[in-house]
Amino acid sequence: MENSENEIRKCCVGENMSQKLKILAIHGYRQNAETFRAKTGSFRKMVHKWAQFTYITAPHKVILVDDSNDLNKGDEPDIGQSKDEEQYGWFFNRDDKTFRGIRKGGPAIGFEHSLKLVETVFEEDGPFDGILGFSQGACFVGLLCDLQQRGSLSNCFEEPVVVKHPGGHYLPASSAQKHEYQKFFKLQQLQKQYGEQSVEKIGDI
């Protein structure tokens, strides 16, 4: 049912990451490191000059129901996951150890185990410059930021950049978002490499 923290499934850690941004990629419910990497191919191509991604698999294996359609009854988007693929989640919000994105409140079964896994990844492969989360993974990342804020921070994010797209349950990677993505990652990479004051002297990207 669960992966041990000592058996973290990681995908595609770059060998030469010293000058690029190191981004931890957190997949959505019923995905894994490999499937999330495949689904973000277009996005990675847009920002590969400035960022390198480390994909990890959540520790909780999703139990498939007899009727696969039960997971998407029209009130939740279909993420295109095959029934026979390895599917994992970061936490469950129903007592039967399933997850429904539209459910408000409820338990967060397995959250602490996932938190320990991420802490282990940071200890072994960090530090990271940022975290990318999709679907349940984005929710999980938000909770991580909230926990960090409670421990010290004044604000979770400094000068956040919000990019909106017309819809669909996917990571948008069309030409409409390309400029904003590249501008953001290039700026962050320059700040990492030269420092914030030096970047200010360079001027607008």
C-alpha atoms as a PDB file:
ATOM      1  CA  MET A   1       0.000   0.000   0.000  1.00  0.00           C
ATOM      2  CA  GLU A   2       2.818   2.402   0.812  1.00  0.00           C
ATOM      3  CA  ASN A   3       6.385   3.012  -0.296  1.00  0.00           C
ATOM      4  CA  SER A   4       9.069   3.201   2.350  1.00  0.00           C
ATOM      5  CA  GLU A   5      10.922   6.511   2.628  1.00  0.00           C
ATOM      6  CA  ASN A   6      14.055   4.499   1.866  1.00  0.00           C
ATOM      7  CA  GLU A   7      12.557   3.353  -1.433  1.00  0.00           C
ATOM      8  CA  ILE A   8      11.701   6.676  -3.030  1.00  0.00           C
ATOM      9  CA  ARG A   9      10.806   6.346  -6.695  1.00  0.00           C
ATOM     10  CA  LYS A  10      12.470   9.187  -8.568  1.00  0.00           C
ATOM     11  CA  CYS A  11      12.551   9.958 -12.245  1.00  0.00           C
ATOM     12  CA  CYS A  12      14.944  11.820 -14.449  1.00  0.00           C
ATOM     13  CA  VAL A  13      17.307  13.687 -12.151  1.00  0.00           C
ATOM     14  CA  GLY A  14      19.661  15.719 -14.324  1.00  0.00           C
ATOM     15  CA  GLU A  15      23.414  15.230 -14.058  1.00  0.00           C
ATOM     16  CA  ASN A  16      24.411  18.859 -14.638  1.00  0.00           C
ATOM     17  CA  MET A  17      22.117  20.922 -12.434  1.00  0.00           C
ATOM     18  CA  SER A  18      24.623  23.316 -10.854  1.00  0.00           C
ATOM     19  CA  GLN A  19      23.581  26.368 -12.878  1.00  0.00           C
ATOM     20  CA  LYS A  20      19.966  25.482 -13.540  1.00  0.00           C
ATOM     21  CA  LEU A  21      17.037  25.878 -11.191  1.00  0.00           C
ATOM     22  CA  LYS A  22      16.305  22.678  -9.305  1.00  0.00           C
ATOM     23  CA  ILE A  23      12.559  22.053  -9.287  1.00  0.00           C
ATOM     24  CA  LEU A  24      10.839  19.258  -7.385  1.00  0.00           C
ATOM     25  CA  ALA A  25       7.851  17.949  -9.376  1.00  0.00           C
ATOM     26  CA  ILE A  26       4.825  16.653  -7.461  1.00  0.00           C
ATOM     27  CA  HIS A  27       2.356  14.650  -9.576  1.00  0.00           C
ATOM     28  CA  GLY A  28      -1.422  14.488  -9.345  1.00  0.00           C
ATOM     29  CA  TYR A  29      -3.679  11.808  -7.862  1.00  0.00           C
ATOM     30  CA  ARG A  30      -3.567   8.478  -9.746  1.00  0.00           C
ATOM     31  CA  GLN A  31      -0.260   9.371 -11.401  1.00  0.00           C
ATOM     32  CA  ASN A  32       3.411   8.625 -10.691  1.00  0.00           C
ATOM     33  CA  ALA A  33       6.798  10.192 -11.437  1.00  0.00           C
ATOM     34  CA  GLU A  34       7.094   8.658 -14.891  1.00  0.00           C
ATOM     35  CA  THR A  35       3.578   9.515 -16.087  1.00  0.00           C
ATOM     36  CA  PHE A  36       3.802  13.089 -14.798  1.00  0.00           C
ATOM     37  CA  ARG A  37       7.128  13.560 -16.571  1.00  0.00           C
ATOM     38  CA  ALA A  38       5.555  12.325 -19.806  1.00  0.00           C
ATOM     39  CA  LYS A  39       2.587  14.672 -19.447  1.00  0.00           C
ATOM     40  CA  THR A  40       4.836  17.708 -18.875  1.00  0.00           C
ATOM     41  CA  GLY A  41       7.087  17.170 -21.886  1.00  0.00           C
ATOM     42  CA  SER A  42       5.984  20.299 -23.747  1.00  0.00           C
ATOM     43  CA  PHE A  43       6.290  22.419 -20.624  1.00  0.00           C
ATOM     44  CA  ARG A  44       9.800  21.139 -19.878  1.00  0.00           C
ATOM     45  CA  LYS A  45      10.928  21.962 -23.421  1.00  0.00           C
ATOM     46  CA  MET A  46       9.811  25.557 -22.916  1.00  0.00           C
ATOM     47  CA  VAL A  47      11.965  26.089 -19.828  1.00  0.00           C
ATOM     48  CA  HIS A  48      14.773  23.516 -20.171  1.00  0.00           C
ATOM     49  CA  LYS A  49      17.424  26.234 -20.548  1.00  0.00           C
ATOM     50  CA  TRP A  50      16.782  27.452 -17.022  1.00  0.00           C
ATOM     51  CA  ALA A  51      15.240  24.592 -15.051  1.00  0.00           C
ATOM     52  CA  GLN A  52      15.814  20.911 -14.351  1.00  0.00           C
ATOM     53  CA  PHE A  53      13.077  18.800 -12.783  1.00  0.00           C
ATOM     54  CA  THR A  54      13.203  15.968 -10.282  1.00  0.00           C
ATOM     55  CA  TYR A  55      10.035  13.855 -10.332  1.00  0.00           C
ATOM     56  CA  ILE A  56       9.083  11.709  -7.346  1.00  0.00           C
ATOM     57  CA  THR A  57       6.263   9.233  -6.759  1.00  0.00           C
ATOM     58  CA  ALA A  58       3.848   9.583  -3.854  1.00  0.00           C
ATOM     59  CA  PRO A  59       4.076   6.884  -1.162  1.00  0.00           C
ATOM     60  CA  HIS A  60       0.449   5.733  -1.215  1.00  0.00           C
ATOM     61  CA  LYS A  61      -0.692   3.314  -3.895  1.00  0.00           C
ATOM     62  CA  VAL A  62      -4.240   3.942  -5.086  1.00  0.00           C
ATOM     63  CA  ILE A  63      -6.612   1.016  -4.772  1.00  0.00           C
ATOM     64  CA  LEU A  64      -8.555   0.740  -8.030  1.00  0.00           C
ATOM     65  CA  VAL A  65     -12.275   0.180  -7.719  1.00  0.00           C
ATOM     66  CA  ASP A  66     -14.033  -2.511  -9.764  1.00  0.00           C
ATOM     67  CA  ASP A  67     -15.689   0.097 -11.977  1.00  0.00           C
ATOM     68  CA  SER A  68     -12.952   2.447 -13.190  1.00  0.00           C
ATOM     69  CA  ASN A  69     -15.614   4.985 -14.171  1.00  0.00           C
ATOM     70  CA  ASP A  70     -16.444   5.422 -10.496  1.00  0.00           C
ATOM     71  CA  LEU A  71     -13.374   7.622 -10.190  1.00  0.00           C
ATOM     72  CA  ASN A  72     -14.711  10.090 -12.762  1.00  0.00           C
ATOM     73  CA  LYS A  73     -18.485  10.396 -12.661  1.00  0.00           C
ATOM     74  CA  GLY A  74     -18.668  13.631 -14.572  1.00  0.00           C
ATOM     75  CA  ASP A  75     -18.022  15.834 -11.541  1.00  0.00           C
ATOM     76  CA  GLU A  76     -14.240  15.427 -11.751  1.00  0.00           C
ATOM     77  CA  PRO A  77     -11.998  15.746 -14.811  1.00  0.00           C
ATOM     78  CA  ASP A  78     -10.522  12.658 -16.448  1.00  0.00           C
ATOM     79  CA  ILE A  79      -6.721  12.835 -16.270  1.00  0.00           C
ATOM     80  CA  GLY A  80      -6.319  10.103 -18.864  1.00  0.00           C
ATOM     81  CA  GLN A  81      -4.831   7.540 -16.537  1.00  0.00           C
ATOM     82  CA  SER A  82      -4.856   3.934 -17.699  1.00  0.00           C
ATOM     83  CA  LYS A  83      -6.345   1.386 -15.314  1.00  0.00           C
ATOM     84  CA  ASP A  84      -3.288  -0.861 -15.484  1.00  0.00           C
ATOM     85  CA  GLU A  85      -0.723   1.866 -14.731  1.00  0.00           C
ATOM     86  CA  GLU A  86       0.900   2.266 -11.314  1.00  0.00           C
ATOM     87  CA  GLN A  87      -1.185   4.933  -9.605  1.00  0.00           C
ATOM     88  CA  TYR A  88      -0.288   6.789  -6.420  1.00  0.00           C
ATOM     89  CA  GLY A  89      -1.576   9.621  -4.247  1.00  0.00           C
ATOM     90  CA  TRP A  90      -0.268  11.988  -1.583  1.00  0.00           C
ATOM     91  CA  PHE A  91      -3.208  11.567   0.782  1.00  0.00           C
ATOM     92  CA  PHE A  92      -6.807  10.355   0.901  1.00  0.00           C
ATOM     93  CA  ASN A  93      -9.789  12.376   2.084  1.00  0.00           C
ATOM     94  CA  ARG A  94     -12.306   9.559   2.545  1.00  0.00           C
ATOM     95  CA  ASP A  95     -12.296   6.804   5.139  1.00  0.00           C
ATOM     96  CA  ASP A  96     -12.188   4.120   2.430  1.00  0.00           C
ATOM     97  CA  LYS A  97      -8.737   5.467   1.441  1.00  0.00           C
ATOM     98  CA  THR A  98      -9.836   7.135  -1.761  1.00  0.00           C
ATOM     99  CA  PHE A  99      -9.671  10.774  -2.809  1.00  0.00           C
ATOM    100  CA  ARG A 100     -12.279  13.114  -4.295  1.00  0.00           C
ATOM    101  CA  GLY A 101     -11.101  16.539  -5.368  1.00  0.00           C
ATOM    102  CA  ILE A 102     -14.550  18.098  -4.977  1.00  0.00           C
ATOM    103  CA  ARG A 103     -14.924  17.045  -1.343  1.00  0.00           C
ATOM    104  CA  LYS A 104     -14.528  19.871   1.156  1.00  0.00           C
ATOM    105  CA  GLY A 105     -12.975  19.024   4.474  1.00  0.00           C
ATOM    106  CA  GLY A 106     -12.613  15.412   5.452  1.00  0.00           C
ATOM    107  CA  PRO A 107      -9.528  13.605   6.730  1.00  0.00           C
ATOM    108  CA  ALA A 108      -6.052  13.761   5.228  1.00  0.00           C
ATOM    109  CA  ILE A 109      -5.104  10.125   5.566  1.00  0.00           C
ATOM    110  CA  GLY A 110      -1.432   9.493   4.820  1.00  0.00           C
ATOM    111  CA  PHE A 111      -0.426  13.158   4.717  1.00  0.00           C
ATOM    112  CA  GLU A 112       2.264  12.811   7.395  1.00  0.00           C
ATOM    113  CA  HIS A 113       3.849   9.880   5.553  1.00  0.00           C
ATOM    114  CA  SER A 114       4.015  11.970   2.356  1.00  0.00           C
ATOM    115  CA  LEU A 115       5.478  14.878   4.300  1.00  0.00           C
ATOM    116  CA  LYS A 116       8.273  12.660   5.629  1.00  0.00           C
ATOM    117  CA  LEU A 117       9.008  11.433   2.106  1.00  0.00           C
ATOM    118  CA  VAL A 118       9.388  14.998   0.809  1.00  0.00           C
ATOM    119  CA  GLU A 119      11.613  15.857   3.766  1.00  0.00           C
ATOM    120  CA  THR A 120      13.807  12.870   2.885  1.00  0.00           C
ATOM    121  CA  VAL A 121      14.028  13.996  -0.749  1.00  0.00           C
ATOM    122  CA  PHE A 122      15.081  17.483   0.351  1.00  0.00           C
ATOM    123  CA  GLU A 123      17.755  16.005   2.607  1.00  0.00           C
ATOM    124  CA  GLU A 124      19.118  13.675  -0.080  1.00  0.00           C
ATOM    125  CA  ASP A 125      18.716  15.744  -3.266  1.00  0.00           C
ATOM    126  CA  GLY A 126      18.105  19.301  -2.091  1.00  0.00           C
ATOM    127  CA  PRO A 127      18.150  22.127  -1.778  1.00  0.00           C
ATOM    128  CA  PHE A 128      15.503  22.857  -4.404  1.00  0.00           C
ATOM    129  CA  ASP A 129      14.763  26.271  -5.858  1.00  0.00           C
ATOM    130  CA  GLY A 130      11.066  25.588  -6.307  1.00  0.00           C
ATOM    131  CA  ILE A 131       8.263  23.042  -6.377  1.00  0.00           C
ATOM    132  CA  LEU A 132       5.883  22.257  -9.242  1.00  0.00           C
ATOM    133  CA  GLY A 133       2.573  20.648  -8.278  1.00  0.00           C
ATOM    134  CA  PHE A 134      -0.337  19.431 -10.394  1.00  0.00           C
ATOM    135  CA  SER A 135      -3.913  18.656  -9.286  1.00  0.00           C
ATOM    136  CA  GLN A 136      -3.745  16.887  -5.906  1.00  0.00           C
ATOM    137  CA  GLY A 137      -0.010  17.554  -6.035  1.00  0.00           C
ATOM    138  CA  ALA A 138      -0.696  21.301  -6.234  1.00  0.00           C
ATOM    139  CA  CYS A 139      -2.976  21.002  -3.202  1.00  0.00           C
ATOM    140  CA  PHE A 140      -0.238  19.106  -1.378  1.00  0.00           C
ATOM    141  CA  VAL A 141       2.320  21.790  -2.288  1.00  0.00           C
ATOM    142  CA  GLY A 142      -0.050  24.460  -0.947  1.00  0.00           C
ATOM    143  CA  LEU A 143      -0.258  22.604   2.356  1.00  0.00           C
ATOM    144  CA  LEU A 144       3.531  22.353   2.490  1.00  0.00           C
ATOM    145  CA  CYS A 145       3.791  26.118   1.991  1.00  0.00           C
ATOM    146  CA  ASP A 146       1.224  26.684   4.730  1.00  0.00           C
ATOM    147  CA  LEU A 147       3.201  24.513   7.152  1.00  0.00           C
ATOM    148  CA  GLN A 148       6.357  26.406   6.287  1.00  0.00           C
ATOM    149  CA  GLN A 149       4.581  29.696   6.854  1.00  0.00           C
ATOM    150  CA  ARG A 150       3.358  28.616  10.266  1.00  0.00           C
ATOM    151  CA  GLY A 151       6.910  27.730  11.218  1.00  0.00           C
ATOM    152  CA  SER A 152       8.607  31.016  10.230  1.00  0.00           C
ATOM    153  CA  LEU A 153       7.615  32.889   7.129  1.00  0.00           C
ATOM    154  CA  SER A 154       5.930  36.316   6.745  1.00  0.00           C
ATOM    155  CA  ASN A 155       4.506  35.391   3.345  1.00  0.00           C
ATOM    156  CA  CYS A 156       4.639  32.118   1.435  1.00  0.00           C
ATOM    157  CA  PHE A 157       5.624  33.782  -1.840  1.00  0.00           C
ATOM    158  CA  GLU A 158       7.428  36.971  -2.773  1.00  0.00           C
ATOM    159  CA  GLU A 159       6.100  38.769  -5.843  1.00  0.00           C
ATOM    160  CA  PRO A 160       4.055  35.817  -7.134  1.00  0.00           C
ATOM    161  CA  VAL A 161       3.365  35.491 -10.855  1.00  0.00           C
ATOM    162  CA  VAL A 162      -0.074  34.104 -11.755  1.00  0.00           C
ATOM    163  CA  VAL A 163      -0.664  32.723 -15.250  1.00  0.00           C
ATOM    164  CA  LYS A 164      -4.270  31.907 -16.133  1.00  0.00           C
ATOM    165  CA  HIS A 165      -5.470  29.715 -18.998  1.00  0.00           C
ATOM    166  CA  PRO A 166      -8.904  29.097 -20.549  1.00  0.00           C
ATOM    167  CA  GLY A 167      -9.576  25.768 -18.880  1.00  0.00           C
ATOM    168  CA  GLY A 168      -8.990  22.044 -18.777  1.00  0.00           C
ATOM    169  CA  HIS A 169      -7.420  19.822 -16.148  1.00  0.00           C
ATOM    170  CA  TYR A 170      -3.893  19.861 -17.499  1.00  0.00           C
ATOM    171  CA  LEU A 171      -0.640  21.781 -17.189  1.00  0.00           C
ATOM    172  CA  PRO A 172      -0.978  24.476 -19.879  1.00  0.00           C
ATOM    173  CA  ALA A 173       1.961  24.552 -22.276  1.00  0.00           C
ATOM    174  CA  SER A 174       0.766  26.393 -25.362  1.00  0.00           C
ATOM    175  CA  SER A 175       2.289  29.433 -27.028  1.00  0.00           C
ATOM    176  CA  ALA A 176      -0.035  31.672 -25.002  1.00  0.00           C
ATOM    177  CA  GLN A 177       1.783  30.740 -21.774  1.00  0.00           C
ATOM    178  CA  LYS A 178       5.270  30.272 -23.242  1.00  0.00           C
ATOM    179  CA  HIS A 179       6.490  33.855 -22.785  1.00  0.00           C
ATOM    180  CA  GLU A 180       5.413  34.108 -19.139  1.00  0.00           C
ATOM    181  CA  TYR A 181       6.949  30.735 -18.278  1.00  0.00           C
ATOM    182  CA  GLN A 182      10.251  31.539 -19.933  1.00  0.00           C
ATOM    183  CA  LYS A 183      10.428  35.027 -18.433  1.00  0.00           C
ATOM    184  CA  PHE A 184       9.767  33.676 -14.933  1.00  0.00           C
ATOM    185  CA  PHE A 185      12.254  30.799 -15.088  1.00  0.00           C
ATOM    186  CA  LYS A 186      14.955  32.902 -16.746  1.00  0.00           C
ATOM    187  CA  LEU A 187      14.680  35.552 -14.030  1.00  0.00           C
ATOM    188  CA  GLN A 188      14.804  32.979 -11.230  1.00  0.00           C
ATOM    189  CA  GLN A 189      17.796  31.243 -12.804  1.00  0.00           C
ATOM    190  CA  LEU A 190      19.689  34.533 -13.171  1.00  0.00           C
ATOM    191  CA  GLN A 191      18.988  35.393  -9.528  1.00  0.00           C
ATOM    192  CA  LYS A 192      20.327  32.005  -8.489  1.00  0.00           C
ATOM    193  CA  GLN A 193      23.460  32.369 -10.609  1.00  0.00           C
ATOM    194  CA  TYR A 194      24.362  36.017 -10.099  1.00  0.00           C
ATOM    195  CA  GLY A 195      22.382  37.207  -7.105  1.00  0.00           C
ATOM    196  CA  GLU A 196      19.394  39.499  -6.933  1.00  0.00           C
ATOM    197  CA  GLN A 197      21.346  42.773  -7.020  1.00  0.00           C
ATOM    198  CA  SER A 198      23.253  41.761 -10.155  1.00  0.00           C
ATOM    199  CA  VAL A 199      20.001  40.827 -11.904  1.00  0.00           C
ATOM    200  CA  GLU A 200      18.554  44.252 -11.130  1.00  0.00           C
ATOM    201  CA  LYS A 201      21.491  45.797 -12.960  1.00  0.00           C
ATOM    202  CA  ILE A 202      20.865  43.629 -16.016  1.00  0.00           C
ATOM    203  CA  GLY A 203      17.419  45.175 -16.406  1.00  0.00           C
ATOM    204  CA  ASP A 204      14.158  43.803 -17.715  1.00  0.00           C
ATOM    205  CA  ILE A 205      14.172  40.318 -19.252  1.00  0.00           C
END
